[in-house]
């Protein structure tokens, strides 16, 4: 067995293991990621690898705790940006996922602002399995009918339902059924959102490949995009999770920005 150094961080309880591959090649297969991701082991929502700098940006590779590779992780990207900012003594970091460039800026003590880019609304880009009105989705789950759902891609696919009480339904039961609905060929993240007023929303999130999560940055972004498009909320909104909030802003060019806290950096050792 080999011991490697890694970092543990979280954004509002959404927790990550970060492995720096800039100077060495460390590879974990799917089975090892699943094993490490179990809460009886090290446990994490996502594991993120930092790759060698290329064209003034740092590529990152992201895996859910189920071992599946994903294209976006907002809170995780903010954590990686903070880690790199400390390592490189800079306030600005550019990250590259497999489908986006993300500009990050350290804006305060443990506060990171991340430019997420523009949302995608076309059914093929989300993706959905058939052409459908992406702003008005209805799904039958067991004996429940969920209506007026909004689908969007902000680096990964999301569906959002605006409800009176976002904790009324048990997402541990409903979440995986919606995630794996045949409408979503790449599965989907699921959010139940409760509007408090035009500037404040509470959410309950089932994260694709990770399960019920304490926080999800891209879900916060997707919720504000959906609510703003439906004219339910403003373009700058605080999205509340159990351990704090993320501020999401959509500018006049439809670019989405997420600002929020990250944890301290914890050095850990992993046996592989």
C-alpha atoms as a PDB file:
ATOM      1  CA  UNK A   1       0.000   0.000   0.000  1.00  0.00           C
ATOM      2  CA  UNK A   2       1.182   3.530  -0.840  1.00  0.00           C
ATOM      3  CA  UNK A   3       0.498   6.621   1.245  1.00  0.00           C
ATOM      4  CA  UNK A   4      -0.129   9.889  -0.603  1.00  0.00           C
ATOM      5  CA  UNK A   5      -0.731  13.421   0.624  1.00  0.00           C
ATOM      6  CA  UNK A   6      -4.051  15.120  -0.073  1.00  0.00           C
ATOM      7  CA  UNK A   7      -6.235  17.953   1.174  1.00  0.00           C
ATOM      8  CA  UNK A   8      -9.687  17.978   2.731  1.00  0.00           C
ATOM      9  CA  UNK A   9     -11.910  21.033   2.298  1.00  0.00           C
ATOM     10  CA  UNK A  10     -15.591  21.865   2.207  1.00  0.00           C
ATOM     11  CA  UNK A  11     -17.951  24.582   1.102  1.00  0.00           C
ATOM     12  CA  UNK A  12     -20.907  24.821   3.501  1.00  0.00           C
ATOM     13  CA  UNK A  13     -20.510  21.142   4.388  1.00  0.00           C
ATOM     14  CA  UNK A  14     -20.256  19.991   0.755  1.00  0.00           C
ATOM     15  CA  UNK A  15     -16.959  18.160   1.249  1.00  0.00           C
ATOM     16  CA  UNK A  16     -14.051  17.248  -0.989  1.00  0.00           C
ATOM     17  CA  UNK A  17     -10.761  15.435  -1.149  1.00  0.00           C
ATOM     18  CA  UNK A  18      -8.315  17.346  -3.358  1.00  0.00           C
ATOM     19  CA  UNK A  19      -5.240  15.664  -4.835  1.00  0.00           C
ATOM     20  CA  UNK A  20      -2.530  17.769  -6.469  1.00  0.00           C
ATOM     21  CA  UNK A  21      -1.241  16.074  -9.631  1.00  0.00           C
ATOM     22  CA  UNK A  22       0.841  19.009 -10.879  1.00  0.00           C
ATOM     23  CA  UNK A  23       4.124  17.345  -9.923  1.00  0.00           C
ATOM     24  CA  UNK A  24       3.288  13.656  -9.840  1.00  0.00           C
ATOM     25  CA  UNK A  25       0.896  11.248 -11.494  1.00  0.00           C
ATOM     26  CA  UNK A  26      -1.484   9.699  -8.983  1.00  0.00           C
ATOM     27  CA  UNK A  27      -4.243   7.575 -10.453  1.00  0.00           C
ATOM     28  CA  UNK A  28      -7.203   6.053  -8.643  1.00  0.00           C
ATOM     29  CA  UNK A  29      -9.523   3.627 -10.392  1.00  0.00           C
ATOM     30  CA  UNK A  30     -13.296   3.737  -9.991  1.00  0.00           C
ATOM     31  CA  UNK A  31     -13.352   0.989  -7.371  1.00  0.00           C
ATOM     32  CA  UNK A  32     -10.802   2.828  -5.216  1.00  0.00           C
ATOM     33  CA  UNK A  33     -12.734   6.106  -5.481  1.00  0.00           C
ATOM     34  CA  UNK A  34     -15.938   4.350  -4.404  1.00  0.00           C
ATOM     35  CA  UNK A  35     -14.099   2.673  -1.527  1.00  0.00           C
ATOM     36  CA  UNK A  36     -12.529   5.924  -0.309  1.00  0.00           C
ATOM     37  CA  UNK A  37     -15.771   7.866  -0.768  1.00  0.00           C
ATOM     38  CA  UNK A  38     -17.749   5.758   1.694  1.00  0.00           C
ATOM     39  CA  UNK A  39     -18.535   7.564   4.946  1.00  0.00           C
ATOM     40  CA  UNK A  40     -17.187   4.559   6.838  1.00  0.00           C
ATOM     41  CA  UNK A  41     -13.838   5.270   5.134  1.00  0.00           C
ATOM     42  CA  UNK A  42     -12.433   8.763   4.369  1.00  0.00           C
ATOM     43  CA  UNK A  43     -15.757   9.933   2.939  1.00  0.00           C
ATOM     44  CA  UNK A  44     -16.452  12.773   0.531  1.00  0.00           C
ATOM     45  CA  UNK A  45     -19.011  14.119  -1.903  1.00  0.00           C
ATOM     46  CA  UNK A  46     -16.405  14.591  -4.647  1.00  0.00           C
ATOM     47  CA  UNK A  47     -12.713  13.916  -5.194  1.00  0.00           C
ATOM     48  CA  UNK A  48     -10.888  16.487  -7.324  1.00  0.00           C
ATOM     49  CA  UNK A  49      -7.526  16.231  -9.054  1.00  0.00           C
ATOM     50  CA  UNK A  50      -5.517  19.350  -9.911  1.00  0.00           C
ATOM     51  CA  UNK A  51      -3.600  18.926 -13.159  1.00  0.00           C
ATOM     52  CA  UNK A  52      -0.526  20.732 -14.523  1.00  0.00           C
ATOM     53  CA  UNK A  53      -1.056  24.335 -15.563  1.00  0.00           C
ATOM     54  CA  UNK A  54      -1.842  24.740 -19.255  1.00  0.00           C
ATOM     55  CA  UNK A  55      -2.458  27.999 -21.131  1.00  0.00           C
ATOM     56  CA  UNK A  56      -2.682  30.024 -17.896  1.00  0.00           C
ATOM     57  CA  UNK A  57      -5.311  27.790 -16.350  1.00  0.00           C
ATOM     58  CA  UNK A  58      -5.358  24.755 -14.077  1.00  0.00           C
ATOM     59  CA  UNK A  59      -7.349  21.803 -15.401  1.00  0.00           C
ATOM     60  CA  UNK A  60      -9.306  19.919 -12.753  1.00  0.00           C
ATOM     61  CA  UNK A  61     -10.750  16.421 -12.968  1.00  0.00           C
ATOM     62  CA  UNK A  62     -13.769  15.705 -10.762  1.00  0.00           C
ATOM     63  CA  UNK A  63     -15.325  12.432  -9.621  1.00  0.00           C
ATOM     64  CA  UNK A  64     -18.425  11.848  -7.527  1.00  0.00           C
ATOM     65  CA  UNK A  65     -18.311   9.431  -4.619  1.00  0.00           C
ATOM     66  CA  UNK A  66     -19.971   6.830  -6.875  1.00  0.00           C
ATOM     67  CA  UNK A  67     -16.825   6.879  -9.042  1.00  0.00           C
ATOM     68  CA  UNK A  68     -18.392   8.674 -11.985  1.00  0.00           C
ATOM     69  CA  UNK A  69     -16.558  11.587 -13.607  1.00  0.00           C
ATOM     70  CA  UNK A  70     -18.475  14.858 -13.779  1.00  0.00           C
ATOM     71  CA  UNK A  71     -18.009  18.177 -15.544  1.00  0.00           C
ATOM     72  CA  UNK A  72     -18.799  20.682 -12.819  1.00  0.00           C
ATOM     73  CA  UNK A  73     -18.636  21.221  -9.081  1.00  0.00           C
ATOM     74  CA  UNK A  74     -19.105  24.814  -7.973  1.00  0.00           C
ATOM     75  CA  UNK A  75     -18.186  24.512  -4.303  1.00  0.00           C
ATOM     76  CA  UNK A  76     -15.320  22.175  -5.129  1.00  0.00           C
ATOM     77  CA  UNK A  77     -13.975  24.611  -7.713  1.00  0.00           C
ATOM     78  CA  UNK A  78     -14.079  27.399  -5.148  1.00  0.00           C
ATOM     79  CA  UNK A  79     -12.128  25.215  -2.708  1.00  0.00           C
ATOM     80  CA  UNK A  80      -9.503  24.337  -5.327  1.00  0.00           C
ATOM     81  CA  UNK A  81      -9.174  28.013  -6.289  1.00  0.00           C
ATOM     82  CA  UNK A  82      -8.603  28.952  -2.638  1.00  0.00           C
ATOM     83  CA  UNK A  83      -6.032  26.176  -2.206  1.00  0.00           C
ATOM     84  CA  UNK A  84      -4.130  27.279  -5.322  1.00  0.00           C
ATOM     85  CA  UNK A  85      -4.345  30.943  -4.349  1.00  0.00           C
ATOM     86  CA  UNK A  86      -2.560  30.164  -1.083  1.00  0.00           C
ATOM     87  CA  UNK A  87      -0.004  27.985  -2.828  1.00  0.00           C
ATOM     88  CA  UNK A  88       0.756  30.568  -5.533  1.00  0.00           C
ATOM     89  CA  UNK A  89       0.208  33.715  -3.437  1.00  0.00           C
ATOM     90  CA  UNK A  90      -2.327  35.239  -5.806  1.00  0.00           C
ATOM     91  CA  UNK A  91      -5.924  36.462  -5.541  1.00  0.00           C
ATOM     92  CA  UNK A  92      -7.052  35.224  -8.955  1.00  0.00           C
ATOM     93  CA  UNK A  93      -7.075  31.679 -10.326  1.00  0.00           C
ATOM     94  CA  UNK A  94      -8.407  30.252 -13.567  1.00  0.00           C
ATOM     95  CA  UNK A  95      -9.633  26.656 -13.585  1.00  0.00           C
ATOM     96  CA  UNK A  96     -10.571  24.489 -16.543  1.00  0.00           C
ATOM     97  CA  UNK A  97     -13.137  21.714 -16.382  1.00  0.00           C
ATOM     98  CA  UNK A  98     -13.796  19.482 -19.370  1.00  0.00           C
ATOM     99  CA  UNK A  99     -16.389  21.930 -20.693  1.00  0.00           C
ATOM    100  CA  UNK A 100     -15.766  25.361 -19.101  1.00  0.00           C
ATOM    101  CA  UNK A 101     -13.206  27.927 -18.033  1.00  0.00           C
ATOM    102  CA  UNK A 102     -13.890  29.189 -14.510  1.00  0.00           C
ATOM    103  CA  UNK A 103     -12.447  32.458 -13.243  1.00  0.00           C
ATOM    104  CA  UNK A 104     -12.103  32.596  -9.466  1.00  0.00           C
ATOM    105  CA  UNK A 105     -11.240  35.506  -7.206  1.00  0.00           C
ATOM    106  CA  UNK A 106     -10.497  35.601  -3.480  1.00  0.00           C
ATOM    107  CA  UNK A 107     -12.759  38.398  -2.232  1.00  0.00           C
ATOM    108  CA  UNK A 108     -12.400  38.088   1.542  1.00  0.00           C
ATOM    109  CA  UNK A 109     -11.300  35.873   4.403  1.00  0.00           C
ATOM    110  CA  UNK A 110     -12.155  32.352   3.147  1.00  0.00           C
ATOM    111  CA  UNK A 111     -14.538  33.940   0.614  1.00  0.00           C
ATOM    112  CA  UNK A 112     -14.278  32.978  -3.056  1.00  0.00           C
ATOM    113  CA  UNK A 113     -16.180  34.370  -6.046  1.00  0.00           C
ATOM    114  CA  UNK A 114     -16.445  32.055  -9.034  1.00  0.00           C
ATOM    115  CA  UNK A 115     -17.583  32.962 -12.539  1.00  0.00           C
ATOM    116  CA  UNK A 116     -19.582  29.960 -13.690  1.00  0.00           C
ATOM    117  CA  UNK A 117     -20.232  31.111 -17.264  1.00  0.00           C
ATOM    118  CA  UNK A 118     -23.519  31.055 -19.132  1.00  0.00           C
ATOM    119  CA  UNK A 119     -26.336  28.551 -18.632  1.00  0.00           C
ATOM    120  CA  UNK A 120     -27.550  26.266 -21.412  1.00  0.00           C
ATOM    121  CA  UNK A 121     -31.282  25.892 -21.992  1.00  0.00           C
ATOM    122  CA  UNK A 122     -31.554  23.821 -25.185  1.00  0.00           C
ATOM    123  CA  UNK A 123     -32.862  20.302 -24.535  1.00  0.00           C
ATOM    124  CA  UNK A 124     -29.905  18.768 -26.395  1.00  0.00           C
ATOM    125  CA  UNK A 125     -27.390  20.757 -24.344  1.00  0.00           C
ATOM    126  CA  UNK A 126     -28.830  19.923 -20.915  1.00  0.00           C
ATOM    127  CA  UNK A 127     -29.211  17.079 -22.133  1.00  0.00           C
ATOM    128  CA  UNK A 128     -32.750  15.697 -22.237  1.00  0.00           C
ATOM    129  CA  UNK A 129     -33.732  12.563 -24.124  1.00  0.00           C
ATOM    130  CA  UNK A 130     -36.447  14.296 -26.142  1.00  0.00           C
ATOM    131  CA  UNK A 131     -37.450  17.748 -27.332  1.00  0.00           C
ATOM    132  CA  UNK A 132     -39.603  19.325 -24.664  1.00  0.00           C
ATOM    133  CA  UNK A 133     -40.298  22.696 -23.046  1.00  0.00           C
ATOM    134  CA  UNK A 134     -37.357  22.831 -20.634  1.00  0.00           C
ATOM    135  CA  UNK A 135     -39.056  25.493 -18.499  1.00  0.00           C
ATOM    136  CA  UNK A 136     -42.193  23.455 -17.821  1.00  0.00           C
ATOM    137  CA  UNK A 137     -41.399  19.843 -16.959  1.00  0.00           C
ATOM    138  CA  UNK A 138     -43.855  17.472 -15.294  1.00  0.00           C
ATOM    139  CA  UNK A 139     -42.771  14.195 -13.744  1.00  0.00           C
ATOM    140  CA  UNK A 140     -44.696  11.401 -12.055  1.00  0.00           C
ATOM    141  CA  UNK A 141     -42.814   9.818  -9.175  1.00  0.00           C
ATOM    142  CA  UNK A 142     -44.595   7.032  -7.333  1.00  0.00           C
ATOM    143  CA  UNK A 143     -47.957   8.626  -6.519  1.00  0.00           C
ATOM    144  CA  UNK A 144     -46.667  12.193  -6.659  1.00  0.00           C
ATOM    145  CA  UNK A 145     -46.901  14.500  -9.660  1.00  0.00           C
ATOM    146  CA  UNK A 146     -44.297  17.265  -9.792  1.00  0.00           C
ATOM    147  CA  UNK A 147     -45.089  20.069 -12.204  1.00  0.00           C
ATOM    148  CA  UNK A 148     -43.560  23.253 -13.592  1.00  0.00           C
ATOM    149  CA  UNK A 149     -40.012  21.929 -13.292  1.00  0.00           C
ATOM    150  CA  UNK A 150     -37.193  23.876 -14.925  1.00  0.00           C
ATOM    151  CA  UNK A 151     -34.196  22.193 -16.556  1.00  0.00           C
ATOM    152  CA  UNK A 152     -30.858  23.895 -17.187  1.00  0.00           C
ATOM    153  CA  UNK A 153     -27.182  23.052 -17.601  1.00  0.00           C
ATOM    154  CA  UNK A 154     -24.614  25.171 -15.764  1.00  0.00           C
ATOM    155  CA  UNK A 155     -21.729  22.800 -16.433  1.00  0.00           C
ATOM    156  CA  UNK A 156     -23.926  19.880 -15.381  1.00  0.00           C
ATOM    157  CA  UNK A 157     -27.652  19.062 -15.706  1.00  0.00           C
ATOM    158  CA  UNK A 158     -30.245  20.233 -13.178  1.00  0.00           C
ATOM    159  CA  UNK A 159     -33.976  20.166 -12.641  1.00  0.00           C
ATOM    160  CA  UNK A 160     -35.551  22.602 -10.176  1.00  0.00           C
ATOM    161  CA  UNK A 161     -39.042  22.501  -8.684  1.00  0.00           C
ATOM    162  CA  UNK A 162     -40.320  25.552  -6.800  1.00  0.00           C
ATOM    163  CA  UNK A 163     -42.465  24.378  -3.878  1.00  0.00           C
ATOM    164  CA  UNK A 164     -44.057  25.789  -0.707  1.00  0.00           C
ATOM    165  CA  UNK A 165     -41.896  23.634   1.555  1.00  0.00           C
ATOM    166  CA  UNK A 166     -38.654  22.249   0.117  1.00  0.00           C
ATOM    167  CA  UNK A 167     -38.386  19.685   2.921  1.00  0.00           C
ATOM    168  CA  UNK A 168     -41.914  18.332   2.561  1.00  0.00           C
ATOM    169  CA  UNK A 169     -40.816  15.433   0.353  1.00  0.00           C
ATOM    170  CA  UNK A 170     -38.118  12.924   1.274  1.00  0.00           C
ATOM    171  CA  UNK A 171     -35.382  13.489  -1.297  1.00  0.00           C
ATOM    172  CA  UNK A 172     -33.621  10.298  -0.205  1.00  0.00           C
ATOM    173  CA  UNK A 173     -36.543   8.467  -1.805  1.00  0.00           C
ATOM    174  CA  UNK A 174     -37.654  10.845  -4.564  1.00  0.00           C
ATOM    175  CA  UNK A 175     -34.233  12.210  -5.513  1.00  0.00           C
ATOM    176  CA  UNK A 176     -32.721   9.053  -7.036  1.00  0.00           C
ATOM    177  CA  UNK A 177     -35.941   8.317  -8.932  1.00  0.00           C
ATOM    178  CA  UNK A 178     -35.892  11.745 -10.582  1.00  0.00           C
ATOM    179  CA  UNK A 179     -32.108  11.580 -11.082  1.00  0.00           C
ATOM    180  CA  UNK A 180     -32.473   8.325 -13.018  1.00  0.00           C
ATOM    181  CA  UNK A 181     -35.648   9.204 -14.955  1.00  0.00           C
ATOM    182  CA  UNK A 182     -35.325   8.299 -18.629  1.00  0.00           C
ATOM    183  CA  UNK A 183     -35.781  11.979 -19.531  1.00  0.00           C
ATOM    184  CA  UNK A 184     -32.188  12.501 -18.373  1.00  0.00           C
ATOM    185  CA  UNK A 185     -29.687  10.430 -20.422  1.00  0.00           C
ATOM    186  CA  UNK A 186     -26.787  11.675 -18.251  1.00  0.00           C
ATOM    187  CA  UNK A 187     -28.904  11.656 -15.082  1.00  0.00           C
ATOM    188  CA  UNK A 188     -29.600  14.956 -13.313  1.00  0.00           C
ATOM    189  CA  UNK A 189     -29.216  16.939 -10.111  1.00  0.00           C
ATOM    190  CA  UNK A 190     -32.524  17.543  -8.343  1.00  0.00           C
ATOM    191  CA  UNK A 191     -33.461  20.659  -6.363  1.00  0.00           C
ATOM    192  CA  UNK A 192     -36.598  21.524  -4.437  1.00  0.00           C
ATOM    193  CA  UNK A 193     -36.552  25.291  -3.891  1.00  0.00           C
ATOM    194  CA  UNK A 194     -38.607  27.394  -1.503  1.00  0.00           C
ATOM    195  CA  UNK A 195     -38.806  31.126  -2.168  1.00  0.00           C
ATOM    196  CA  UNK A 196     -38.767  33.302   0.963  1.00  0.00           C
ATOM    197  CA  UNK A 197     -38.760  36.580  -0.965  1.00  0.00           C
ATOM    198  CA  UNK A 198     -37.252  38.039  -4.145  1.00  0.00           C
ATOM    199  CA  UNK A 199     -33.743  37.927  -2.669  1.00  0.00           C
ATOM    200  CA  UNK A 200     -33.770  34.759  -0.548  1.00  0.00           C
ATOM    201  CA  UNK A 201     -34.335  31.098  -1.365  1.00  0.00           C
ATOM    202  CA  UNK A 202     -33.962  27.866   0.637  1.00  0.00           C
ATOM    203  CA  UNK A 203     -33.065  24.686  -1.227  1.00  0.00           C
ATOM    204  CA  UNK A 204     -32.994  20.957  -0.648  1.00  0.00           C
ATOM    205  CA  UNK A 205     -30.685  19.151  -3.084  1.00  0.00           C
ATOM    206  CA  UNK A 206     -30.193  15.607  -4.297  1.00  0.00           C
ATOM    207  CA  UNK A 207     -26.830  15.595  -6.049  1.00  0.00           C
ATOM    208  CA  UNK A 208     -26.322  13.336  -9.047  1.00  0.00           C
ATOM    209  CA  UNK A 209     -23.895  10.568  -8.122  1.00  0.00           C
ATOM    210  CA  UNK A 210     -23.420  11.793  -4.560  1.00  0.00           C
ATOM    211  CA  UNK A 211     -26.860  11.748  -2.972  1.00  0.00           C
ATOM    212  CA  UNK A 212     -28.435  14.091  -0.452  1.00  0.00           C
ATOM    213  CA  UNK A 213     -25.928  16.877   0.093  1.00  0.00           C
ATOM    214  CA  UNK A 214     -25.426  19.636   2.641  1.00  0.00           C
ATOM    215  CA  UNK A 215     -24.766  22.118  -0.166  1.00  0.00           C
ATOM    216  CA  UNK A 216     -24.352  22.220  -3.943  1.00  0.00           C
ATOM    217  CA  UNK A 217     -22.943  25.247  -5.745  1.00  0.00           C
ATOM    218  CA  UNK A 218     -24.211  24.449  -9.224  1.00  0.00           C
ATOM    219  CA  UNK A 219     -27.676  23.695  -7.786  1.00  0.00           C
ATOM    220  CA  UNK A 220     -27.697  27.148  -6.179  1.00  0.00           C
ATOM    221  CA  UNK A 221     -26.793  28.672  -9.544  1.00  0.00           C
ATOM    222  CA  UNK A 222     -29.405  26.608 -11.392  1.00  0.00           C
ATOM    223  CA  UNK A 223     -32.081  27.592  -8.870  1.00  0.00           C
ATOM    224  CA  UNK A 224     -31.463  31.314  -9.305  1.00  0.00           C
ATOM    225  CA  UNK A 225     -31.330  30.942 -13.086  1.00  0.00           C
ATOM    226  CA  UNK A 226     -34.668  29.133 -13.052  1.00  0.00           C
ATOM    227  CA  UNK A 227     -36.307  31.528 -10.596  1.00  0.00           C
ATOM    228  CA  UNK A 228     -35.076  34.591 -12.471  1.00  0.00           C
ATOM    229  CA  UNK A 229     -36.252  33.231 -15.827  1.00  0.00           C
ATOM    230  CA  UNK A 230     -39.657  32.510 -14.275  1.00  0.00           C
ATOM    231  CA  UNK A 231     -39.683  36.070 -12.831  1.00  0.00           C
ATOM    232  CA  UNK A 232     -40.067  34.715  -9.316  1.00  0.00           C
ATOM    233  CA  UNK A 233     -36.856  36.204  -7.879  1.00  0.00           C
ATOM    234  CA  UNK A 234     -34.246  38.872  -8.602  1.00  0.00           C
ATOM    235  CA  UNK A 235     -30.989  38.356 -10.479  1.00  0.00           C
ATOM    236  CA  UNK A 236     -29.004  38.535  -7.227  1.00  0.00           C
ATOM    237  CA  UNK A 237     -30.132  36.088  -4.564  1.00  0.00           C
ATOM    238  CA  UNK A 238     -28.889  34.454  -1.370  1.00  0.00           C
ATOM    239  CA  UNK A 239     -29.414  30.694  -1.529  1.00  0.00           C
ATOM    240  CA  UNK A 240     -29.573  29.191   1.938  1.00  0.00           C
ATOM    241  CA  UNK A 241     -28.224  25.796   2.975  1.00  0.00           C
ATOM    242  CA  UNK A 242     -28.037  24.261   6.464  1.00  0.00           C
ATOM    243  CA  UNK A 243     -24.551  25.620   7.147  1.00  0.00           C
ATOM    244  CA  UNK A 244     -24.771  29.009   5.448  1.00  0.00           C
ATOM    245  CA  UNK A 245     -25.485  30.672   2.147  1.00  0.00           C
ATOM    246  CA  UNK A 246     -24.185  31.248  -1.344  1.00  0.00           C
ATOM    247  CA  UNK A 247     -24.785  34.515  -3.157  1.00  0.00           C
ATOM    248  CA  UNK A 248     -25.682  33.945  -6.798  1.00  0.00           C
ATOM    249  CA  UNK A 249     -25.726  36.777  -9.324  1.00  0.00           C
ATOM    250  CA  UNK A 250     -26.653  36.821 -13.009  1.00  0.00           C
ATOM    251  CA  UNK A 251     -25.223  39.808 -14.856  1.00  0.00           C
ATOM    252  CA  UNK A 252     -26.565  41.581 -17.943  1.00  0.00           C
ATOM    253  CA  UNK A 253     -24.625  39.191 -20.214  1.00  0.00           C
ATOM    254  CA  UNK A 254     -26.219  36.123 -18.583  1.00  0.00           C
ATOM    255  CA  UNK A 255     -22.952  35.154 -16.886  1.00  0.00           C
ATOM    256  CA  UNK A 256     -23.518  33.523 -13.511  1.00  0.00           C
ATOM    257  CA  UNK A 257     -21.368  34.294 -10.456  1.00  0.00           C
ATOM    258  CA  UNK A 258     -21.263  32.398  -7.174  1.00  0.00           C
ATOM    259  CA  UNK A 259     -19.752  33.849  -3.998  1.00  0.00           C
ATOM    260  CA  UNK A 260     -19.438  32.031  -0.705  1.00  0.00           C
ATOM    261  CA  UNK A 261     -17.209  30.609   2.029  1.00  0.00           C
ATOM    262  CA  UNK A 262     -14.702  27.774   1.964  1.00  0.00           C
ATOM    263  CA  UNK A 263     -13.231  25.910   4.899  1.00  0.00           C
ATOM    264  CA  UNK A 264      -9.699  25.885   6.169  1.00  0.00           C
ATOM    265  CA  UNK A 265      -7.322  23.575   4.311  1.00  0.00           C
ATOM    266  CA  UNK A 266      -6.665  20.297   6.110  1.00  0.00           C
ATOM    267  CA  UNK A 267      -3.680  18.143   5.120  1.00  0.00           C
ATOM    268  CA  UNK A 268      -4.430  14.424   5.171  1.00  0.00           C
ATOM    269  CA  UNK A 269      -2.801  11.150   4.127  1.00  0.00           C
ATOM    270  CA  UNK A 270      -4.544   8.533   2.004  1.00  0.00           C
ATOM    271  CA  UNK A 271      -3.528   4.894   1.643  1.00  0.00           C
ATOM    272  CA  UNK A 272      -3.990   3.601  -1.892  1.00  0.00           C
END
